[in-house]
Amino acid sequence: MNILVVCAHPDDEILGIGGTIAKHTSKGDKVYTLILGEGKTSRGATEKQELDELKKESLEANKVLGVKEVFFEDLPDNKFDSVPLLDIIKKVESYIEKIDPEIVYTHYGDDLNIDHKLIFQAVLTAARPLPGSRIKLLAVFETLSSTEWAEDEKTFVPNFYSEISNNLDKKLDAMSKYKSELREFPHPRSLEGIKVLAKKRGVEAGVKAVEALKIIREIEG
């Protein structure tokens, strides 16, 4: 089975769905990660060396999870709204055509982060159910330090729980490769923050650790 994870920034794929990625690859599924933004420049002046280091960290993190290939598009960080939405859609479409996935995971559409919002819109369009499409599941994940900071009425409400009790350690190991992105607890983008959310969601589902998802569309074959 081919699976495509579409995200805005390096580390979003680990924060949002790293445990589920590890679960897929352990079963022999082929997982591909598409990172559309460079993920750094909105924080101030950034050297090329820093961007290269972030990509290196991303490759190392995805390798831990068994991802087959990582693709980068280098759109401007937190400035996706400066890029025509059609251009983003076309980029996503090109990877869907190339990978021919049966499952697509991406960001929740009402995250605080503008890049996440636009990625959701682009994926929703690019993954529309046209004749011949092999996509059987389109689902969105929550991203620590974005989803939980959105307005109350836009709170993420999951309708699917992916158990990662046996893969939480691997998710944490992968995130530890993102040294430039990690923060100290109680920042949500910390190893302890990741564990807290996984256990909270696990309590909701009656298991030890979970990644919460919202299914946008599922087709039973």
N, C-alpha and C. Protein backbone atom coordinates (compact mmCIF):
# COMPACT_ATOMS: atom_id res chain seq x y z
N MET A 1 0.84 -1.19 0.00
CA MET A 1 0.00 0.00 0.00
C MET A 1 0.88 1.25 0.00
N ASN A 2 0.54 2.21 -0.84
CA ASN A 2 1.26 3.48 -0.90
C ASN A 2 0.53 4.54 -0.07
N ILE A 3 1.28 5.25 0.73
CA ILE A 3 0.70 6.26 1.62
C ILE A 3 1.46 7.56 1.46
N LEU A 4 0.74 8.66 1.33
CA LEU A 4 1.35 9.98 1.19
C LEU A 4 0.98 10.86 2.38
N VAL A 5 2.00 11.40 3.03
CA VAL A 5 1.81 12.35 4.12
C VAL A 5 2.20 13.72 3.60
N VAL A 6 1.26 14.65 3.58
CA VAL A 6 1.50 15.99 3.06
C VAL A 6 1.50 16.98 4.23
N CYS A 7 2.60 17.68 4.43
CA CYS A 7 2.66 18.63 5.54
C CYS A 7 3.36 19.92 5.13
N ALA A 8 3.24 20.90 5.98
CA ALA A 8 3.74 22.23 5.66
C ALA A 8 5.22 22.41 5.99
N HIS A 9 5.65 21.89 7.14
CA HIS A 9 6.99 22.19 7.64
C HIS A 9 7.71 20.94 8.12
N PRO A 10 9.02 20.92 8.06
CA PRO A 10 9.77 19.83 8.66
C PRO A 10 9.44 19.71 10.14
N ASP A 11 9.09 18.57 10.58
CA ASP A 11 8.70 18.09 11.91
C ASP A 11 7.20 17.94 12.07
N ASP A 12 6.39 18.57 11.20
CA ASP A 12 4.94 18.40 11.26
C ASP A 12 4.55 16.94 11.10
N GLU A 13 5.27 16.24 10.23
CA GLU A 13 4.93 14.84 9.96
C GLU A 13 5.15 13.97 11.20
N ILE A 14 6.16 14.31 12.00
CA ILE A 14 6.43 13.54 13.22
C ILE A 14 5.43 13.92 14.31
N LEU A 15 5.25 15.21 14.52
CA LEU A 15 4.33 15.69 15.55
C LEU A 15 2.91 15.16 15.30
N GLY A 16 2.49 15.20 14.05
CA GLY A 16 1.11 14.85 13.73
C GLY A 16 0.84 13.37 13.65
N ILE A 17 1.74 12.63 12.99
CA ILE A 17 1.37 11.26 12.65
C ILE A 17 2.56 10.31 12.63
N GLY A 18 3.63 10.68 13.35
CA GLY A 18 4.83 9.86 13.35
C GLY A 18 4.62 8.42 13.78
N GLY A 19 3.82 8.22 14.82
CA GLY A 19 3.56 6.87 15.29
C GLY A 19 2.80 6.03 14.29
N THR A 20 1.84 6.64 13.62
CA THR A 20 1.06 5.94 12.60
C THR A 20 1.93 5.61 11.39
N ILE A 21 2.83 6.52 11.04
CA ILE A 21 3.78 6.23 9.95
C ILE A 21 4.59 4.98 10.30
N ALA A 22 5.12 4.94 11.52
CA ALA A 22 5.92 3.78 11.95
C ALA A 22 5.10 2.50 11.90
N LYS A 23 3.83 2.60 12.27
CA LYS A 23 2.95 1.43 12.24
C LYS A 23 2.75 0.94 10.81
N HIS A 24 2.56 1.88 9.90
CA HIS A 24 2.39 1.50 8.49
C HIS A 24 3.64 0.82 7.95
N THR A 25 4.78 1.42 8.18
CA THR A 25 6.01 0.86 7.59
C THR A 25 6.35 -0.50 8.20
N SER A 26 5.99 -0.71 9.46
CA SER A 26 6.25 -2.01 10.09
C SER A 26 5.42 -3.11 9.45
N LYS A 27 4.33 -2.73 8.79
CA LYS A 27 3.47 -3.70 8.10
C LYS A 27 3.86 -3.87 6.64
N GLY A 28 4.88 -3.12 6.21
CA GLY A 28 5.33 -3.23 4.84
C GLY A 28 4.75 -2.19 3.89
N ASP A 29 3.96 -1.27 4.39
CA ASP A 29 3.42 -0.20 3.55
C ASP A 29 4.54 0.77 3.16
N LYS A 30 4.40 1.37 2.00
CA LYS A 30 5.37 2.36 1.53
C LYS A 30 4.84 3.75 1.84
N VAL A 31 5.56 4.46 2.71
CA VAL A 31 5.13 5.80 3.12
C VAL A 31 6.07 6.84 2.51
N TYR A 32 5.46 7.88 1.94
CA TYR A 32 6.21 8.98 1.34
C TYR A 32 5.79 10.26 2.06
N THR A 33 6.76 11.11 2.36
CA THR A 33 6.49 12.38 3.04
C THR A 33 6.76 13.54 2.09
N LEU A 34 5.77 14.40 1.93
CA LEU A 34 5.93 15.62 1.14
C LEU A 34 5.90 16.81 2.09
N ILE A 35 7.01 17.54 2.16
CA ILE A 35 7.11 18.74 3.00
C ILE A 35 7.16 19.95 2.08
N LEU A 36 6.12 20.75 2.09
CA LEU A 36 5.98 21.82 1.10
C LEU A 36 6.72 23.10 1.46
N GLY A 37 6.93 23.36 2.75
CA GLY A 37 7.59 24.61 3.14
C GLY A 37 8.98 24.39 3.69
N GLU A 38 9.81 25.44 3.62
CA GLU A 38 11.19 25.31 4.12
C GLU A 38 11.25 25.38 5.65
N GLY A 39 10.25 25.98 6.28
CA GLY A 39 10.07 25.83 7.72
C GLY A 39 10.93 26.66 8.65
N LYS A 40 11.55 27.73 8.17
CA LYS A 40 12.51 28.41 9.04
C LYS A 40 12.50 29.94 8.95
N THR A 41 12.37 30.47 7.74
CA THR A 41 12.69 31.88 7.52
C THR A 41 11.75 32.86 8.21
N SER A 42 10.56 32.42 8.60
CA SER A 42 9.64 33.35 9.26
C SER A 42 10.13 33.75 10.64
N ARG A 43 11.14 33.05 11.16
CA ARG A 43 11.66 33.36 12.50
C ARG A 43 12.76 34.42 12.47
N GLY A 44 13.06 34.92 11.29
CA GLY A 44 14.11 35.94 11.17
C GLY A 44 15.14 35.53 10.14
N ALA A 45 16.23 36.27 10.07
CA ALA A 45 17.28 35.99 9.10
C ALA A 45 17.78 34.55 9.27
N THR A 46 17.82 33.84 8.16
CA THR A 46 18.19 32.43 8.19
C THR A 46 19.25 32.15 7.14
N GLU A 47 20.32 31.52 7.54
CA GLU A 47 21.38 31.15 6.61
C GLU A 47 21.00 29.87 5.87
N LYS A 48 21.52 29.74 4.66
CA LYS A 48 21.29 28.52 3.88
C LYS A 48 21.73 27.29 4.65
N GLN A 49 22.79 27.43 5.41
CA GLN A 49 23.31 26.31 6.18
C GLN A 49 22.26 25.79 7.18
N GLU A 50 21.48 26.73 7.77
CA GLU A 50 20.44 26.34 8.72
C GLU A 50 19.33 25.57 8.01
N LEU A 51 18.97 26.01 6.81
CA LEU A 51 17.93 25.31 6.05
C LEU A 51 18.41 23.92 5.64
N ASP A 52 19.65 23.83 5.26
CA ASP A 52 20.23 22.53 4.88
C ASP A 52 20.26 21.58 6.08
N GLU A 53 20.58 22.14 7.25
CA GLU A 53 20.63 21.32 8.46
C GLU A 53 19.24 20.80 8.82
N LEU A 54 18.22 21.66 8.62
CA LEU A 54 16.85 21.24 8.91
C LEU A 54 16.43 20.11 7.99
N LYS A 55 16.81 20.19 6.73
CA LYS A 55 16.49 19.10 5.80
C LYS A 55 17.21 17.81 6.20
N LYS A 56 18.44 17.95 6.65
CA LYS A 56 19.19 16.78 7.10
C LYS A 56 18.49 16.14 8.29
N GLU A 57 18.04 16.97 9.23
CA GLU A 57 17.31 16.45 10.38
C GLU A 57 16.04 15.73 9.94
N SER A 58 15.37 16.31 8.96
CA SER A 58 14.13 15.71 8.45
C SER A 58 14.39 14.34 7.85
N LEU A 59 15.42 14.23 7.07
CA LEU A 59 15.75 12.95 6.45
C LEU A 59 16.09 11.91 7.52
N GLU A 60 16.81 12.32 8.54
CA GLU A 60 17.17 11.39 9.63
C GLU A 60 15.92 10.95 10.40
N ALA A 61 15.03 11.90 10.67
CA ALA A 61 13.81 11.60 11.41
C ALA A 61 12.92 10.63 10.64
N ASN A 62 12.77 10.88 9.35
CA ASN A 62 11.92 10.01 8.53
C ASN A 62 12.54 8.63 8.34
N LYS A 63 13.86 8.58 8.33
CA LYS A 63 14.55 7.30 8.23
C LYS A 63 14.24 6.43 9.44
N VAL A 64 14.18 7.04 10.62
CA VAL A 64 13.84 6.30 11.84
C VAL A 64 12.49 5.61 11.69
N LEU A 65 11.56 6.28 11.03
CA LEU A 65 10.20 5.75 10.88
C LEU A 65 10.06 4.78 9.71
N GLY A 66 11.10 4.68 8.89
CA GLY A 66 11.03 3.77 7.75
C GLY A 66 10.40 4.35 6.51
N VAL A 67 10.32 5.69 6.44
CA VAL A 67 9.75 6.36 5.27
C VAL A 67 10.60 6.07 4.04
N LYS A 68 9.93 5.77 2.94
CA LYS A 68 10.64 5.39 1.71
C LYS A 68 11.35 6.57 1.08
N GLU A 69 10.68 7.74 1.04
CA GLU A 69 11.29 8.92 0.41
C GLU A 69 10.65 10.19 0.96
N VAL A 70 11.46 11.23 1.09
CA VAL A 70 11.00 12.54 1.54
C VAL A 70 11.19 13.54 0.41
N PHE A 71 10.16 14.32 0.13
CA PHE A 71 10.22 15.33 -0.93
C PHE A 71 10.10 16.72 -0.31
N PHE A 72 10.87 17.66 -0.82
CA PHE A 72 10.86 19.04 -0.33
C PHE A 72 10.50 19.99 -1.47
N GLU A 73 9.69 21.01 -1.17
CA GLU A 73 9.31 22.00 -2.18
C GLU A 73 9.74 23.42 -1.83
N ASP A 74 10.13 23.68 -0.58
CA ASP A 74 10.75 24.95 -0.18
C ASP A 74 9.87 26.19 -0.38
N LEU A 75 8.58 26.05 -0.17
CA LEU A 75 7.72 27.24 -0.19
C LEU A 75 8.06 28.11 1.03
N PRO A 76 7.81 29.42 0.96
CA PRO A 76 8.23 30.34 2.04
C PRO A 76 7.47 30.09 3.34
N ASP A 77 8.22 30.00 4.43
CA ASP A 77 7.68 29.65 5.72
C ASP A 77 6.66 30.67 6.22
N ASN A 78 5.46 30.16 6.59
CA ASN A 78 4.36 30.99 7.09
C ASN A 78 3.95 32.09 6.11
N LYS A 79 4.24 31.84 4.83
CA LYS A 79 3.84 32.78 3.77
C LYS A 79 3.19 32.05 2.60
N PHE A 80 2.57 30.91 2.88
CA PHE A 80 1.92 30.18 1.79
C PHE A 80 0.82 31.01 1.14
N ASP A 81 0.30 31.99 1.91
CA ASP A 81 -0.74 32.84 1.35
C ASP A 81 -0.18 33.83 0.33
N SER A 82 1.14 33.88 0.17
CA SER A 82 1.75 34.70 -0.87
C SER A 82 1.93 33.91 -2.18
N VAL A 83 1.58 32.63 -2.12
CA VAL A 83 1.68 31.74 -3.30
C VAL A 83 0.27 31.45 -3.78
N PRO A 84 0.00 31.56 -5.09
CA PRO A 84 -1.33 31.22 -5.58
C PRO A 84 -1.73 29.80 -5.15
N LEU A 85 -2.93 29.67 -4.62
CA LEU A 85 -3.38 28.37 -4.15
C LEU A 85 -3.31 27.32 -5.25
N LEU A 86 -3.61 27.73 -6.46
CA LEU A 86 -3.55 26.79 -7.58
C LEU A 86 -2.16 26.20 -7.74
N ASP A 87 -1.13 27.00 -7.50
CA ASP A 87 0.24 26.49 -7.61
C ASP A 87 0.51 25.41 -6.56
N ILE A 88 -0.01 25.61 -5.36
CA ILE A 88 0.16 24.60 -4.30
C ILE A 88 -0.60 23.34 -4.67
N ILE A 89 -1.81 23.52 -5.16
CA ILE A 89 -2.63 22.37 -5.58
C ILE A 89 -1.90 21.56 -6.64
N LYS A 90 -1.32 22.24 -7.63
CA LYS A 90 -0.62 21.56 -8.71
C LYS A 90 0.57 20.76 -8.19
N LYS A 91 1.26 21.31 -7.21
CA LYS A 91 2.39 20.58 -6.62
C LYS A 91 1.90 19.30 -5.97
N VAL A 92 0.84 19.40 -5.17
CA VAL A 92 0.31 18.22 -4.49
C VAL A 92 -0.21 17.22 -5.52
N GLU A 93 -0.90 17.70 -6.53
CA GLU A 93 -1.41 16.81 -7.58
C GLU A 93 -0.29 16.02 -8.24
N SER A 94 0.83 16.67 -8.47
CA SER A 94 1.94 16.00 -9.15
C SER A 94 2.48 14.84 -8.33
N TYR A 95 2.49 15.00 -7.00
CA TYR A 95 2.97 13.91 -6.14
C TYR A 95 1.92 12.80 -6.00
N ILE A 96 0.66 13.18 -5.99
CA ILE A 96 -0.40 12.16 -5.96
C ILE A 96 -0.33 11.32 -7.24
N GLU A 97 -0.11 11.98 -8.36
CA GLU A 97 0.00 11.25 -9.63
C GLU A 97 1.23 10.34 -9.62
N LYS A 98 2.33 10.83 -9.07
CA LYS A 98 3.58 10.07 -9.04
C LYS A 98 3.52 8.87 -8.10
N ILE A 99 2.95 9.07 -6.91
CA ILE A 99 2.96 8.04 -5.87
C ILE A 99 1.75 7.13 -5.94
N ASP A 100 0.64 7.66 -6.44
CA ASP A 100 -0.60 6.90 -6.57
C ASP A 100 -1.01 6.28 -5.23
N PRO A 101 -1.21 7.11 -4.21
CA PRO A 101 -1.47 6.59 -2.87
C PRO A 101 -2.90 6.09 -2.68
N GLU A 102 -3.03 5.17 -1.74
CA GLU A 102 -4.35 4.71 -1.32
C GLU A 102 -4.80 5.45 -0.07
N ILE A 103 -3.85 6.00 0.67
CA ILE A 103 -4.14 6.80 1.86
C ILE A 103 -3.38 8.11 1.79
N VAL A 104 -4.05 9.21 2.13
CA VAL A 104 -3.41 10.52 2.21
C VAL A 104 -3.71 11.12 3.58
N TYR A 105 -2.66 11.53 4.27
CA TYR A 105 -2.78 12.21 5.56
C TYR A 105 -2.28 13.65 5.41
N THR A 106 -2.97 14.59 6.04
CA THR A 106 -2.51 15.98 6.00
C THR A 106 -3.02 16.75 7.22
N HIS A 107 -2.79 18.07 7.20
CA HIS A 107 -3.14 18.92 8.34
C HIS A 107 -4.64 19.13 8.49
N TYR A 108 -5.05 19.37 9.72
CA TYR A 108 -6.40 19.81 10.04
C TYR A 108 -6.61 21.21 9.45
N GLY A 109 -7.78 21.44 8.88
CA GLY A 109 -8.02 22.66 8.12
C GLY A 109 -8.23 23.93 8.92
N ASP A 110 -8.42 23.82 10.23
CA ASP A 110 -8.65 25.01 11.06
C ASP A 110 -7.53 25.24 12.06
N ASP A 111 -6.32 24.78 11.75
CA ASP A 111 -5.16 25.07 12.59
C ASP A 111 -4.92 26.58 12.66
N LEU A 112 -4.19 26.99 13.68
CA LEU A 112 -3.80 28.40 13.80
C LEU A 112 -2.88 28.81 12.66
N ASN A 113 -2.01 27.91 12.25
CA ASN A 113 -0.98 28.22 11.25
C ASN A 113 -1.58 28.34 9.85
N ILE A 114 -1.29 29.46 9.18
CA ILE A 114 -1.84 29.72 7.85
C ILE A 114 -1.37 28.69 6.84
N ASP A 115 -0.13 28.25 6.95
CA ASP A 115 0.39 27.25 6.01
C ASP A 115 -0.39 25.94 6.13
N HIS A 116 -0.71 25.54 7.36
CA HIS A 116 -1.48 24.32 7.57
C HIS A 116 -2.86 24.43 6.91
N LYS A 117 -3.49 25.58 7.09
CA LYS A 117 -4.82 25.79 6.51
C LYS A 117 -4.79 25.65 4.99
N LEU A 118 -3.79 26.25 4.38
CA LEU A 118 -3.73 26.23 2.92
C LEU A 118 -3.33 24.86 2.38
N ILE A 119 -2.50 24.14 3.12
CA ILE A 119 -2.17 22.78 2.74
C ILE A 119 -3.43 21.92 2.73
N PHE A 120 -4.25 22.08 3.75
CA PHE A 120 -5.51 21.32 3.81
C PHE A 120 -6.37 21.61 2.58
N GLN A 121 -6.52 22.89 2.26
CA GLN A 121 -7.34 23.26 1.09
C GLN A 121 -6.77 22.66 -0.20
N ALA A 122 -5.44 22.71 -0.31
CA ALA A 122 -4.79 22.20 -1.51
C ALA A 122 -4.96 20.68 -1.62
N VAL A 123 -4.76 19.98 -0.51
CA VAL A 123 -4.89 18.52 -0.53
C VAL A 123 -6.33 18.11 -0.79
N LEU A 124 -7.27 18.81 -0.18
CA LEU A 124 -8.69 18.49 -0.38
C LEU A 124 -9.05 18.57 -1.86
N THR A 125 -8.48 19.56 -2.54
CA THR A 125 -8.73 19.70 -3.98
C THR A 125 -7.96 18.67 -4.79
N ALA A 126 -6.69 18.52 -4.49
CA ALA A 126 -5.85 17.60 -5.26
C ALA A 126 -6.28 16.15 -5.10
N ALA A 127 -6.86 15.82 -3.95
CA ALA A 127 -7.26 14.44 -3.67
C ALA A 127 -8.75 14.21 -3.90
N ARG A 128 -9.38 15.09 -4.65
CA ARG A 128 -10.81 14.94 -4.89
C ARG A 128 -11.10 13.60 -5.57
N PRO A 129 -12.27 13.03 -5.30
CA PRO A 129 -12.58 11.67 -5.76
C PRO A 129 -12.94 11.57 -7.24
N LEU A 130 -11.98 11.74 -8.09
CA LEU A 130 -12.19 11.61 -9.53
C LEU A 130 -12.17 10.14 -9.95
N PRO A 131 -12.83 9.80 -11.04
CA PRO A 131 -12.76 8.42 -11.54
C PRO A 131 -11.31 8.00 -11.78
N GLY A 132 -10.96 6.83 -11.31
CA GLY A 132 -9.60 6.34 -11.49
C GLY A 132 -8.70 6.58 -10.29
N SER A 133 -9.13 7.43 -9.36
CA SER A 133 -8.33 7.68 -8.17
C SER A 133 -8.30 6.44 -7.29
N ARG A 134 -7.13 6.15 -6.72
CA ARG A 134 -7.00 4.99 -5.83
C ARG A 134 -7.09 5.39 -4.37
N ILE A 135 -7.30 6.67 -4.09
CA ILE A 135 -7.35 7.13 -2.70
C ILE A 135 -8.62 6.62 -2.02
N LYS A 136 -8.39 5.80 -1.00
CA LYS A 136 -9.51 5.22 -0.26
C LYS A 136 -9.74 5.91 1.08
N LEU A 137 -8.70 6.61 1.56
CA LEU A 137 -8.83 7.29 2.85
C LEU A 137 -8.10 8.62 2.79
N LEU A 138 -8.82 9.68 3.16
CA LEU A 138 -8.23 11.00 3.33
C LEU A 138 -8.53 11.42 4.76
N ALA A 139 -7.47 11.64 5.55
CA ALA A 139 -7.65 11.97 6.96
C ALA A 139 -6.69 13.08 7.37
N VAL A 140 -7.09 13.84 8.39
CA VAL A 140 -6.27 14.95 8.87
C VAL A 140 -5.83 14.69 10.30
N PHE A 141 -4.66 15.24 10.65
CA PHE A 141 -4.10 15.04 11.98
C PHE A 141 -3.96 16.38 12.70
N GLU A 142 -3.78 16.30 14.00
CA GLU A 142 -3.52 17.51 14.79
C GLU A 142 -2.02 17.70 14.92
N THR A 143 -1.59 18.97 14.94
CA THR A 143 -0.17 19.29 15.00
C THR A 143 0.10 20.13 16.23
N LEU A 144 0.87 19.58 17.17
CA LEU A 144 1.20 20.31 18.39
C LEU A 144 1.82 21.67 18.09
N SER A 145 1.45 22.66 18.87
CA SER A 145 1.84 24.06 18.76
C SER A 145 1.16 24.75 17.59
N SER A 146 0.01 24.23 17.19
CA SER A 146 -0.81 24.89 16.18
C SER A 146 -2.28 24.55 16.38
N THR A 147 -2.61 23.26 16.30
CA THR A 147 -4.02 22.85 16.37
C THR A 147 -4.66 23.27 17.69
N GLU A 148 -3.93 23.07 18.80
CA GLU A 148 -4.52 23.35 20.10
C GLU A 148 -4.62 24.85 20.39
N TRP A 149 -4.00 25.67 19.54
CA TRP A 149 -4.04 27.12 19.75
C TRP A 149 -5.08 27.82 18.87
N ALA A 150 -5.86 27.07 18.13
CA ALA A 150 -6.89 27.66 17.28
C ALA A 150 -8.07 28.15 18.13
N GLU A 151 -8.98 28.88 17.49
CA GLU A 151 -10.15 29.40 18.20
C GLU A 151 -11.00 28.25 18.73
N ASP A 152 -11.71 28.49 19.84
CA ASP A 152 -12.49 27.44 20.49
C ASP A 152 -13.48 26.76 19.55
N GLU A 153 -14.16 27.56 18.73
CA GLU A 153 -15.18 26.98 17.86
C GLU A 153 -14.58 26.15 16.73
N LYS A 154 -13.25 26.24 16.60
CA LYS A 154 -12.58 25.46 15.56
C LYS A 154 -11.76 24.31 16.16
N THR A 155 -12.14 23.93 17.37
CA THR A 155 -11.43 22.86 18.07
C THR A 155 -11.43 21.57 17.25
N PHE A 156 -10.29 20.92 17.22
CA PHE A 156 -10.14 19.64 16.53
C PHE A 156 -10.92 18.57 17.29
N VAL A 157 -11.84 17.92 16.61
CA VAL A 157 -12.63 16.84 17.21
C VAL A 157 -12.38 15.57 16.41
N PRO A 158 -11.59 14.65 16.95
CA PRO A 158 -11.26 13.43 16.20
C PRO A 158 -12.45 12.49 16.06
N ASN A 159 -12.44 11.73 14.98
CA ASN A 159 -13.43 10.67 14.82
C ASN A 159 -12.77 9.33 14.51
N PHE A 160 -11.43 9.30 14.66
CA PHE A 160 -10.67 8.06 14.46
C PHE A 160 -9.43 8.11 15.33
N TYR A 161 -9.14 6.99 15.97
CA TYR A 161 -7.96 6.91 16.84
C TYR A 161 -7.01 5.84 16.34
N SER A 162 -5.78 6.25 16.08
CA SER A 162 -4.74 5.32 15.63
C SER A 162 -3.86 4.97 16.83
N GLU A 163 -3.96 3.73 17.29
CA GLU A 163 -3.18 3.35 18.47
C GLU A 163 -1.70 3.27 18.13
N ILE A 164 -0.87 3.92 18.95
CA ILE A 164 0.57 3.91 18.72
C ILE A 164 1.33 3.47 19.97
N SER A 165 0.67 2.66 20.80
CA SER A 165 1.31 2.21 22.05
C SER A 165 2.66 1.56 21.79
N ASN A 166 2.76 0.79 20.70
CA ASN A 166 4.00 0.10 20.38
C ASN A 166 4.94 0.94 19.52
N ASN A 167 4.51 2.14 19.16
CA ASN A 167 5.31 2.99 18.27
C ASN A 167 5.60 4.37 18.83
N LEU A 168 5.16 4.63 20.06
CA LEU A 168 5.39 5.95 20.64
C LEU A 168 6.88 6.21 20.82
N ASP A 169 7.63 5.22 21.27
CA ASP A 169 9.07 5.41 21.45
C ASP A 169 9.76 5.72 20.13
N LYS A 170 9.31 5.09 19.07
CA LYS A 170 9.91 5.36 17.76
C LYS A 170 9.57 6.77 17.29
N LYS A 171 8.35 7.21 17.58
CA LYS A 171 7.96 8.60 17.26
C LYS A 171 8.85 9.59 18.01
N LEU A 172 9.09 9.33 19.29
CA LEU A 172 9.94 10.20 20.10
C LEU A 172 11.38 10.17 19.60
N ASP A 173 11.84 9.01 19.20
CA ASP A 173 13.19 8.88 18.66
C ASP A 173 13.32 9.70 17.38
N ALA A 174 12.30 9.62 16.52
CA ALA A 174 12.32 10.39 15.27
C ALA A 174 12.32 11.89 15.56
N MET A 175 11.48 12.32 16.50
CA MET A 175 11.41 13.75 16.81
C MET A 175 12.71 14.24 17.42
N SER A 176 13.40 13.38 18.12
CA SER A 176 14.67 13.79 18.74
C SER A 176 15.73 14.16 17.70
N LYS A 177 15.54 13.72 16.46
CA LYS A 177 16.46 14.08 15.37
C LYS A 177 16.30 15.55 14.98
N TYR A 178 15.14 16.11 15.26
CA TYR A 178 14.87 17.52 14.95
C TYR A 178 15.39 18.41 16.08
N LYS A 179 16.67 18.42 16.27
CA LYS A 179 17.26 19.17 17.38
C LYS A 179 16.96 20.67 17.29
N SER A 180 16.90 21.20 16.08
CA SER A 180 16.68 22.64 15.92
C SER A 180 15.22 23.03 16.16
N GLU A 181 14.32 22.05 16.18
CA GLU A 181 12.89 22.34 16.34
C GLU A 181 12.37 22.00 17.73
N LEU A 182 13.05 21.15 18.45
CA LEU A 182 12.61 20.76 19.78
C LEU A 182 12.68 21.93 20.77
N ARG A 183 11.76 21.94 21.71
CA ARG A 183 11.74 22.93 22.77
C ARG A 183 11.66 22.22 24.11
N GLU A 184 11.86 22.98 25.18
CA GLU A 184 11.77 22.41 26.51
C GLU A 184 10.31 22.37 26.98
N PHE A 185 9.95 21.32 27.69
CA PHE A 185 8.63 21.22 28.30
C PHE A 185 8.46 22.37 29.32
N PRO A 186 7.29 23.02 29.38
CA PRO A 186 5.99 22.59 28.87
C PRO A 186 5.62 23.09 27.47
N HIS A 187 6.59 23.51 26.67
CA HIS A 187 6.25 23.82 25.28
C HIS A 187 5.69 22.56 24.63
N PRO A 188 4.61 22.71 23.84
CA PRO A 188 4.01 21.51 23.24
C PRO A 188 4.96 20.77 22.29
N ARG A 189 5.88 21.51 21.67
CA ARG A 189 6.81 20.87 20.73
C ARG A 189 8.04 20.37 21.49
N SER A 190 7.77 19.51 22.44
CA SER A 190 8.81 18.90 23.27
C SER A 190 8.51 17.41 23.34
N LEU A 191 9.50 16.62 23.70
CA LEU A 191 9.28 15.18 23.79
C LEU A 191 8.23 14.86 24.85
N GLU A 192 8.29 15.58 25.96
CA GLU A 192 7.29 15.36 27.02
C GLU A 192 5.91 15.80 26.55
N GLY A 193 5.84 16.89 25.80
CA GLY A 193 4.56 17.35 25.26
C GLY A 193 3.95 16.33 24.33
N ILE A 194 4.77 15.69 23.51
CA ILE A 194 4.28 14.65 22.60
C ILE A 194 3.72 13.48 23.39
N LYS A 195 4.42 13.08 24.45
CA LYS A 195 3.94 11.96 25.27
C LYS A 195 2.64 12.31 25.97
N VAL A 196 2.54 13.53 26.46
CA VAL A 196 1.32 13.96 27.16
C VAL A 196 0.11 13.88 26.23
N LEU A 197 0.24 14.38 25.00
CA LEU A 197 -0.88 14.36 24.07
C LEU A 197 -1.24 12.92 23.69
N ALA A 198 -0.22 12.09 23.42
CA ALA A 198 -0.48 10.70 23.04
C ALA A 198 -1.22 9.96 24.15
N LYS A 199 -0.87 10.23 25.39
CA LYS A 199 -1.53 9.56 26.51
C LYS A 199 -2.93 10.13 26.75
N LYS A 200 -3.07 11.44 26.59
CA LYS A 200 -4.41 12.04 26.72
C LYS A 200 -5.36 11.45 25.71
N ARG A 201 -4.93 11.39 24.46
CA ARG A 201 -5.77 10.80 23.42
C ARG A 201 -5.98 9.31 23.68
N GLY A 202 -4.96 8.66 24.24
CA GLY A 202 -5.10 7.26 24.58
C GLY A 202 -6.18 7.02 25.62
N VAL A 203 -6.23 7.90 26.63
CA VAL A 203 -7.27 7.81 27.66
C VAL A 203 -8.65 7.91 27.02
N GLU A 204 -8.78 8.78 26.02
CA GLU A 204 -10.07 8.93 25.33
C GLU A 204 -10.51 7.64 24.66
N ALA A 205 -9.52 6.84 24.22
CA ALA A 205 -9.83 5.64 23.44
C ALA A 205 -9.65 4.36 24.25
N GLY A 206 -9.18 4.47 25.50
CA GLY A 206 -9.02 3.30 26.33
C GLY A 206 -7.77 2.48 26.06
N VAL A 207 -6.74 3.14 25.50
CA VAL A 207 -5.46 2.48 25.25
C VAL A 207 -4.34 3.38 25.76
N LYS A 208 -3.11 2.90 25.72
CA LYS A 208 -2.01 3.63 26.34
C LYS A 208 -1.58 4.88 25.57
N ALA A 209 -1.59 4.81 24.24
CA ALA A 209 -1.11 5.95 23.45
C ALA A 209 -1.80 5.97 22.08
N VAL A 210 -2.14 7.16 21.65
CA VAL A 210 -2.94 7.31 20.42
C VAL A 210 -2.52 8.56 19.66
N GLU A 211 -2.67 8.51 18.34
CA GLU A 211 -2.69 9.72 17.50
C GLU A 211 -4.12 9.89 17.02
N ALA A 212 -4.67 11.06 17.28
CA ALA A 212 -6.07 11.33 16.92
C ALA A 212 -6.15 11.88 15.50
N LEU A 213 -7.12 11.40 14.76
CA LEU A 213 -7.31 11.80 13.37
C LEU A 213 -8.78 12.16 13.14
N LYS A 214 -9.00 12.87 12.07
CA LYS A 214 -10.37 13.13 11.62
C LYS A 214 -10.47 12.68 10.17
N ILE A 215 -11.36 11.73 9.93
CA ILE A 215 -11.53 11.22 8.57
C ILE A 215 -12.36 12.22 7.77
N ILE A 216 -11.81 12.65 6.66
CA ILE A 216 -12.53 13.54 5.75
C ILE A 216 -13.34 12.74 4.74
N ARG A 217 -12.74 11.66 4.26
CA ARG A 217 -13.45 10.79 3.31
C ARG A 217 -12.85 9.40 3.37
N GLU A 218 -13.71 8.41 3.40
CA GLU A 218 -13.25 7.03 3.38
C GLU A 218 -14.15 6.23 2.44
N ILE A 219 -13.53 5.48 1.57
CA ILE A 219 -14.27 4.66 0.60
C ILE A 219 -13.96 3.21 0.88
N GLU A 220 -14.99 2.45 1.20
CA GLU A 220 -14.79 1.03 1.47
C GLU A 220 -14.84 0.24 0.17
N GLY A 221 -13.73 -0.44 -0.12
CA GLY A 221 -13.64 -1.19 -1.37
C GLY A 221 -14.14 -2.61 -1.21
